[in-house]
Amino acid sequence: MARPWLTTILAAVAAFFAYAAAPAGAQSGPPGGSYSSNELISTGHRFFGTVSGGLATVIEKAVAQYGQPNGYILGEEGSGAIGAGLRYGEGTLHTRDQGQHRIFWQGPSLGWDIGGEGARTMMLVYNLPAVGAIYNRFGGVDGSAYFIGGFGMTALVNNNVYVVPVRAGVGMRLGVALGYLKFTPTATWNPF
């Protein structure tokens, strides 16, 4: 039986984190170090391929809300949840002035969430002062509602560095969960 009080609490927490994670206005990265919407959309179309129909809309929404990122990650991930969940992924961090770096992520989640997915992921990274700043835990709220496939966008934050994952997933997922992603330079099974 569904617990409406739990859904209400999770919705309130999700709204709080969405408000807290959103910068006051659009920001731009360091001069010469940021990526334009057109560059991101072009890269996303090459990366996501034939499933990239809604990509431009999602990226334009992210850029309108957060500004131009000074880095992005392209990778793949898998996740699953029955109330509590886990997510694991790997990819490459791209920056203009600090090069490309292999990166891994993993993290737990807890909430009203059920299902599993495999996703190609493009993460927009904002206010990254140095590559080492990405190797932290980035917390936020993830909401998913799709059957078979779809695009989704969330926002994660650690201090003033924002990571906005844009996922094109395949699977079944429904719910809202609190969690974090921990980024590491090497693969690990430990999500904590």
C-alpha atoms as a PDB file:
ATOM      1  CA  MET A   1       0.000   0.000   0.000  1.00  0.00           C
ATOM      2  CA  ALA A   2       1.360   3.424  -0.905  1.00  0.00           C
ATOM      3  CA  ARG A   3       2.288   5.795   1.883  1.00  0.00           C
ATOM      4  CA  PRO A   4       1.119   9.278   0.818  1.00  0.00           C
ATOM      5  CA  TRP A   5       3.013  10.955   3.681  1.00  0.00           C
ATOM      6  CA  LEU A   6       6.284   9.477   2.416  1.00  0.00           C
ATOM      7  CA  THR A   7       5.592  10.717  -1.117  1.00  0.00           C
ATOM      8  CA  THR A   8       4.810  14.190   0.250  1.00  0.00           C
ATOM      9  CA  ILE A   9       8.021  14.291   2.302  1.00  0.00           C
ATOM     10  CA  LEU A  10      10.130  13.129  -0.641  1.00  0.00           C
ATOM     11  CA  ALA A  11       8.501  15.695  -2.939  1.00  0.00           C
ATOM     12  CA  ALA A  12       9.237  18.476  -0.425  1.00  0.00           C
ATOM     13  CA  VAL A  13      12.862  17.356  -0.056  1.00  0.00           C
ATOM     14  CA  ALA A  14      13.193  17.150  -3.856  1.00  0.00           C
ATOM     15  CA  ALA A  15      11.861  20.693  -4.233  1.00  0.00           C
ATOM     16  CA  PHE A  16      14.283  21.947  -1.572  1.00  0.00           C
ATOM     17  CA  PHE A  17      17.306  20.348  -3.246  1.00  0.00           C
ATOM     18  CA  ALA A  18      16.245  21.555  -6.697  1.00  0.00           C
ATOM     19  CA  TYR A  19      15.972  25.116  -5.349  1.00  0.00           C
ATOM     20  CA  ALA A  20      19.244  24.868  -3.390  1.00  0.00           C
ATOM     21  CA  ALA A  21      21.152  23.370  -6.327  1.00  0.00           C
ATOM     22  CA  ALA A  22      20.047  26.007  -8.826  1.00  0.00           C
ATOM     23  CA  PRO A  23      22.427  28.949  -9.170  1.00  0.00           C
ATOM     24  CA  ALA A  24      20.836  32.383  -8.843  1.00  0.00           C
ATOM     25  CA  GLY A  25      21.426  33.160 -12.505  1.00  0.00           C
ATOM     26  CA  ALA A  26      23.077  31.734 -15.538  1.00  0.00           C
ATOM     27  CA  GLN A  27      26.805  31.517 -15.098  1.00  0.00           C
ATOM     28  CA  SER A  28      29.548  31.253 -17.638  1.00  0.00           C
ATOM     29  CA  GLY A  29      32.772  29.383 -17.179  1.00  0.00           C
ATOM     30  CA  PRO A  30      36.234  30.888 -17.291  1.00  0.00           C
ATOM     31  CA  PRO A  31      36.953  32.967 -20.435  1.00  0.00           C
ATOM     32  CA  GLY A  32      37.773  30.641 -23.314  1.00  0.00           C
ATOM     33  CA  GLY A  33      37.100  27.611 -21.113  1.00  0.00           C
ATOM     34  CA  SER A  34      33.357  27.117 -21.488  1.00  0.00           C
ATOM     35  CA  TYR A  35      31.302  25.179 -24.031  1.00  0.00           C
ATOM     36  CA  SER A  36      28.442  26.725 -26.019  1.00  0.00           C
ATOM     37  CA  SER A  37      25.004  25.160 -26.431  1.00  0.00           C
ATOM     38  CA  ASN A  38      25.741  24.407 -30.096  1.00  0.00           C
ATOM     39  CA  GLU A  39      28.978  22.575 -29.220  1.00  0.00           C
ATOM     40  CA  LEU A  40      27.228  20.522 -26.540  1.00  0.00           C
ATOM     41  CA  ILE A  41      24.282  19.653 -28.790  1.00  0.00           C
ATOM     42  CA  SER A  42      26.604  18.635 -31.625  1.00  0.00           C
ATOM     43  CA  THR A  43      28.717  16.489 -29.285  1.00  0.00           C
ATOM     44  CA  GLY A  44      25.562  15.002 -27.745  1.00  0.00           C
ATOM     45  CA  HIS A  45      24.101  14.067 -31.133  1.00  0.00           C
ATOM     46  CA  ARG A  46      27.331  12.257 -32.052  1.00  0.00           C
ATOM     47  CA  PHE A  47      27.452  10.525 -28.645  1.00  0.00           C
ATOM     48  CA  PHE A  48      23.778   9.542 -28.257  1.00  0.00           C
ATOM     49  CA  GLY A  49      23.191   8.755 -31.945  1.00  0.00           C
ATOM     50  CA  THR A  50      19.667   7.965 -33.087  1.00  0.00           C
ATOM     51  CA  VAL A  51      18.088   8.420 -29.633  1.00  0.00           C
ATOM     52  CA  SER A  52      19.086  12.097 -29.486  1.00  0.00           C
ATOM     53  CA  GLY A  53      15.711  13.548 -30.518  1.00  0.00           C
ATOM     54  CA  GLY A  54      15.016  15.404 -27.244  1.00  0.00           C
ATOM     55  CA  LEU A  55      18.642  16.199 -26.472  1.00  0.00           C
ATOM     56  CA  ALA A  56      18.658  19.796 -27.746  1.00  0.00           C
ATOM     57  CA  THR A  57      15.706  20.710 -25.537  1.00  0.00           C
ATOM     58  CA  VAL A  58      17.308  19.197 -22.422  1.00  0.00           C
ATOM     59  CA  ILE A  59      20.703  20.857 -23.044  1.00  0.00           C
ATOM     60  CA  GLU A  60      19.106  24.220 -23.794  1.00  0.00           C
ATOM     61  CA  LYS A  61      17.165  23.977 -20.513  1.00  0.00           C
ATOM     62  CA  ALA A  62      20.367  23.184 -18.589  1.00  0.00           C
ATOM     63  CA  VAL A  63      22.289  26.060 -20.216  1.00  0.00           C
ATOM     64  CA  ALA A  64      19.395  28.471 -19.580  1.00  0.00           C
ATOM     65  CA  GLN A  65      19.339  27.513 -15.896  1.00  0.00           C
ATOM     66  CA  TYR A  66      23.052  27.006 -15.140  1.00  0.00           C
ATOM     67  CA  GLY A  67      24.957  28.834 -17.896  1.00  0.00           C
ATOM     68  CA  GLN A  68      27.751  27.434 -20.049  1.00  0.00           C
ATOM     69  CA  PRO A  69      29.704  24.550 -18.503  1.00  0.00           C
ATOM     70  CA  ASN A  70      33.493  24.507 -18.416  1.00  0.00           C
ATOM     71  CA  GLY A  71      33.605  20.719 -18.706  1.00  0.00           C
ATOM     72  CA  TYR A  72      31.532  17.699 -19.616  1.00  0.00           C
ATOM     73  CA  ILE A  73      31.647  13.943 -19.102  1.00  0.00           C
ATOM     74  CA  LEU A  74      30.617  11.366 -21.704  1.00  0.00           C
ATOM     75  CA  GLY A  75      30.069   7.850 -20.431  1.00  0.00           C
ATOM     76  CA  GLU A  76      27.820   4.905 -19.688  1.00  0.00           C
ATOM     77  CA  GLU A  77      26.183   3.769 -16.485  1.00  0.00           C
ATOM     78  CA  GLY A  78      23.861   1.231 -14.981  1.00  0.00           C
ATOM     79  CA  SER A  79      21.583   1.486 -11.972  1.00  0.00           C
ATOM     80  CA  GLY A  80      18.831  -0.274 -10.138  1.00  0.00           C
ATOM     81  CA  ALA A  81      16.638   0.344  -7.134  1.00  0.00           C
ATOM     82  CA  ILE A  82      13.928  -1.109  -4.958  1.00  0.00           C
ATOM     83  CA  GLY A  83      13.629   1.709  -2.430  1.00  0.00           C
ATOM     84  CA  ALA A  84      17.398   1.770  -1.985  1.00  0.00           C
ATOM     85  CA  GLY A  85      19.505   1.786  -5.117  1.00  0.00           C
ATOM     86  CA  LEU A  86      22.992   1.835  -6.586  1.00  0.00           C
ATOM     87  CA  ARG A  87      24.461   3.495  -9.679  1.00  0.00           C
ATOM     88  CA  TYR A  88      27.820   2.746 -11.349  1.00  0.00           C
ATOM     89  CA  GLY A  89      29.368   4.394 -14.391  1.00  0.00           C
ATOM     90  CA  GLU A  90      32.505   5.255 -16.281  1.00  0.00           C
ATOM     91  CA  GLY A  91      33.478   7.787 -18.887  1.00  0.00           C
ATOM     92  CA  THR A  92      35.795  10.615 -19.886  1.00  0.00           C
ATOM     93  CA  LEU A  93      35.915  14.136 -18.452  1.00  0.00           C
ATOM     94  CA  HIS A  94      36.528  16.729 -21.195  1.00  0.00           C
ATOM     95  CA  THR A  95      37.884  20.210 -20.414  1.00  0.00           C
ATOM     96  CA  ARG A  96      39.303  22.850 -22.739  1.00  0.00           C
ATOM     97  CA  ASP A  97      42.345  23.813 -20.706  1.00  0.00           C
ATOM     98  CA  GLN A  98      42.993  20.679 -18.605  1.00  0.00           C
ATOM     99  CA  GLY A  99      42.565  17.954 -21.234  1.00  0.00           C
ATOM    100  CA  GLN A 100      40.686  14.664 -21.045  1.00  0.00           C
ATOM    101  CA  HIS A 101      40.643  12.376 -18.003  1.00  0.00           C
ATOM    102  CA  ARG A 102      39.201   8.905 -17.424  1.00  0.00           C
ATOM    103  CA  ILE A 103      36.604   9.043 -14.628  1.00  0.00           C
ATOM    104  CA  PHE A 104      34.396   6.621 -12.720  1.00  0.00           C
ATOM    105  CA  TRP A 105      31.325   7.240 -10.584  1.00  0.00           C
ATOM    106  CA  GLN A 106      29.238   5.274  -8.149  1.00  0.00           C
ATOM    107  CA  GLY A 107      26.676   6.083  -5.527  1.00  0.00           C
ATOM    108  CA  PRO A 108      23.724   5.033  -3.418  1.00  0.00           C
ATOM    109  CA  SER A 109      20.199   6.403  -3.368  1.00  0.00           C
ATOM    110  CA  LEU A 110      17.279   6.090  -0.995  1.00  0.00           C
ATOM    111  CA  GLY A 111      13.659   6.959  -1.633  1.00  0.00           C
ATOM    112  CA  TRP A 112      10.503   5.981  -3.404  1.00  0.00           C
ATOM    113  CA  ASP A 113      12.229   4.447  -6.414  1.00  0.00           C
ATOM    114  CA  ILE A 114      11.903   1.161  -8.291  1.00  0.00           C
ATOM    115  CA  GLY A 115      13.330  -0.206 -11.519  1.00  0.00           C
ATOM    116  CA  GLY A 116      16.549  -0.504 -13.437  1.00  0.00           C
ATOM    117  CA  GLU A 117      18.231   1.211 -16.349  1.00  0.00           C
ATOM    118  CA  GLY A 118      21.255   1.298 -18.557  1.00  0.00           C
ATOM    119  CA  ALA A 119      22.116   4.757 -19.830  1.00  0.00           C
ATOM    120  CA  ARG A 120      24.457   6.721 -22.008  1.00  0.00           C
ATOM    121  CA  THR A 121      25.242   9.809 -19.985  1.00  0.00           C
ATOM    122  CA  MET A 122      26.464  13.308 -20.762  1.00  0.00           C
ATOM    123  CA  MET A 123      27.222  15.266 -17.581  1.00  0.00           C
ATOM    124  CA  LEU A 124      27.625  19.024 -17.853  1.00  0.00           C
ATOM    125  CA  VAL A 125      30.153  20.329 -15.290  1.00  0.00           C
ATOM    126  CA  TYR A 126      30.018  23.916 -13.998  1.00  0.00           C
ATOM    127  CA  ASN A 127      32.581  25.992 -12.049  1.00  0.00           C
ATOM    128  CA  LEU A 128      35.241  23.256 -12.087  1.00  0.00           C
ATOM    129  CA  PRO A 129      38.399  25.047 -10.862  1.00  0.00           C
ATOM    130  CA  ALA A 130      40.696  22.035 -11.454  1.00  0.00           C
ATOM    131  CA  VAL A 131      40.273  18.376 -12.418  1.00  0.00           C
ATOM    132  CA  GLY A 132      40.904  17.287  -8.814  1.00  0.00           C
ATOM    133  CA  ALA A 133      37.750  19.115  -7.670  1.00  0.00           C
ATOM    134  CA  ILE A 134      35.557  16.544  -9.443  1.00  0.00           C
ATOM    135  CA  TYR A 135      36.810  13.728  -7.173  1.00  0.00           C
ATOM    136  CA  ASN A 136      34.164  14.314  -4.485  1.00  0.00           C
ATOM    137  CA  ARG A 137      30.609  13.361  -3.590  1.00  0.00           C
ATOM    138  CA  PHE A 138      27.906  15.358  -5.379  1.00  0.00           C
ATOM    139  CA  GLY A 139      24.474  15.165  -3.765  1.00  0.00           C
ATOM    140  CA  GLY A 140      21.013  15.801  -5.077  1.00  0.00           C
ATOM    141  CA  VAL A 141      17.602  14.400  -5.894  1.00  0.00           C
ATOM    142  CA  ASP A 142      16.894  12.154  -8.864  1.00  0.00           C
ATOM    143  CA  GLY A 143      13.429  11.729 -10.314  1.00  0.00           C
ATOM    144  CA  SER A 144      12.665   9.226 -13.055  1.00  0.00           C
ATOM    145  CA  ALA A 145       9.501   8.211 -14.858  1.00  0.00           C
ATOM    146  CA  TYR A 146       9.882   6.228 -18.073  1.00  0.00           C
ATOM    147  CA  PHE A 147       9.172   2.890 -19.638  1.00  0.00           C
ATOM    148  CA  ILE A 148      11.608   1.535 -22.241  1.00  0.00           C
ATOM    149  CA  GLY A 149      13.513   4.798 -22.788  1.00  0.00           C
ATOM    150  CA  GLY A 150      13.751   8.532 -22.484  1.00  0.00           C
ATOM    151  CA  PHE A 151      15.899  11.534 -21.564  1.00  0.00           C
ATOM    152  CA  GLY A 152      16.268  12.840 -18.036  1.00  0.00           C
ATOM    153  CA  MET A 153      18.182  15.653 -16.334  1.00  0.00           C
ATOM    154  CA  THR A 154      19.105  16.190 -12.674  1.00  0.00           C
ATOM    155  CA  ALA A 155      21.434  18.544 -10.796  1.00  0.00           C
ATOM    156  CA  LEU A 156      24.088  17.524  -8.272  1.00  0.00           C
ATOM    157  CA  VAL A 157      26.213  19.905  -6.205  1.00  0.00           C
ATOM    158  CA  ASN A 158      29.365  19.968  -4.088  1.00  0.00           C
ATOM    159  CA  ASN A 159      30.335  23.413  -2.786  1.00  0.00           C
ATOM    160  CA  ASN A 160      30.103  25.652  -5.864  1.00  0.00           C
ATOM    161  CA  VAL A 161      30.743  22.902  -8.461  1.00  0.00           C
ATOM    162  CA  TYR A 162      27.613  21.628 -10.234  1.00  0.00           C
ATOM    163  CA  VAL A 163      27.227  18.410 -12.219  1.00  0.00           C
ATOM    164  CA  VAL A 164      24.118  18.118 -14.405  1.00  0.00           C
ATOM    165  CA  PRO A 165      23.711  14.571 -15.763  1.00  0.00           C
ATOM    166  CA  VAL A 166      21.693  14.230 -18.978  1.00  0.00           C
ATOM    167  CA  ARG A 167      20.777  10.574 -19.409  1.00  0.00           C
ATOM    168  CA  ALA A 168      19.317   8.635 -22.315  1.00  0.00           C
ATOM    169  CA  GLY A 169      18.251   5.461 -20.573  1.00  0.00           C
ATOM    170  CA  VAL A 170      16.811   2.133 -21.559  1.00  0.00           C
ATOM    171  CA  GLY A 171      14.802   0.217 -18.988  1.00  0.00           C
ATOM    172  CA  MET A 172      11.942   0.843 -16.578  1.00  0.00           C
ATOM    173  CA  ARG A 173      12.246   3.407 -13.800  1.00  0.00           C
ATOM    174  CA  LEU A 174       9.772   5.253 -11.597  1.00  0.00           C
ATOM    175  CA  GLY A 175      10.376   7.280  -8.476  1.00  0.00           C
ATOM    176  CA  VAL A 176      12.151  10.011  -6.570  1.00  0.00           C
ATOM    177  CA  ALA A 177      15.276   9.386  -4.505  1.00  0.00           C
ATOM    178  CA  LEU A 178      17.910  11.263  -2.536  1.00  0.00           C
ATOM    179  CA  GLY A 179      21.461  10.237  -3.226  1.00  0.00           C
ATOM    180  CA  TYR A 180      24.889  11.192  -4.365  1.00  0.00           C
ATOM    181  CA  LEU A 181      27.483  10.288  -6.947  1.00  0.00           C
ATOM    182  CA  LYS A 182      31.079   9.815  -5.888  1.00  0.00           C
ATOM    183  CA  PHE A 183      33.581  10.490  -8.693  1.00  0.00           C
ATOM    184  CA  THR A 184      36.916   8.646  -8.625  1.00  0.00           C
ATOM    185  CA  PRO A 185      39.969   8.367 -10.914  1.00  0.00           C
ATOM    186  CA  THR A 186      39.887   4.547 -10.677  1.00  0.00           C
ATOM    187  CA  ALA A 187      37.073   1.992 -10.640  1.00  0.00           C
ATOM    188  CA  THR A 188      35.702   0.806  -7.304  1.00  0.00           C
ATOM    189  CA  TRP A 189      32.738  -1.282  -6.191  1.00  0.00           C
ATOM    190  CA  ASN A 190      32.366   0.734  -2.963  1.00  0.00           C
ATOM    191  CA  PRO A 191      29.522   3.250  -3.528  1.00  0.00           C
ATOM    192  CA  PHE A 192      30.185   4.990  -0.202  1.00  0.00           C
END
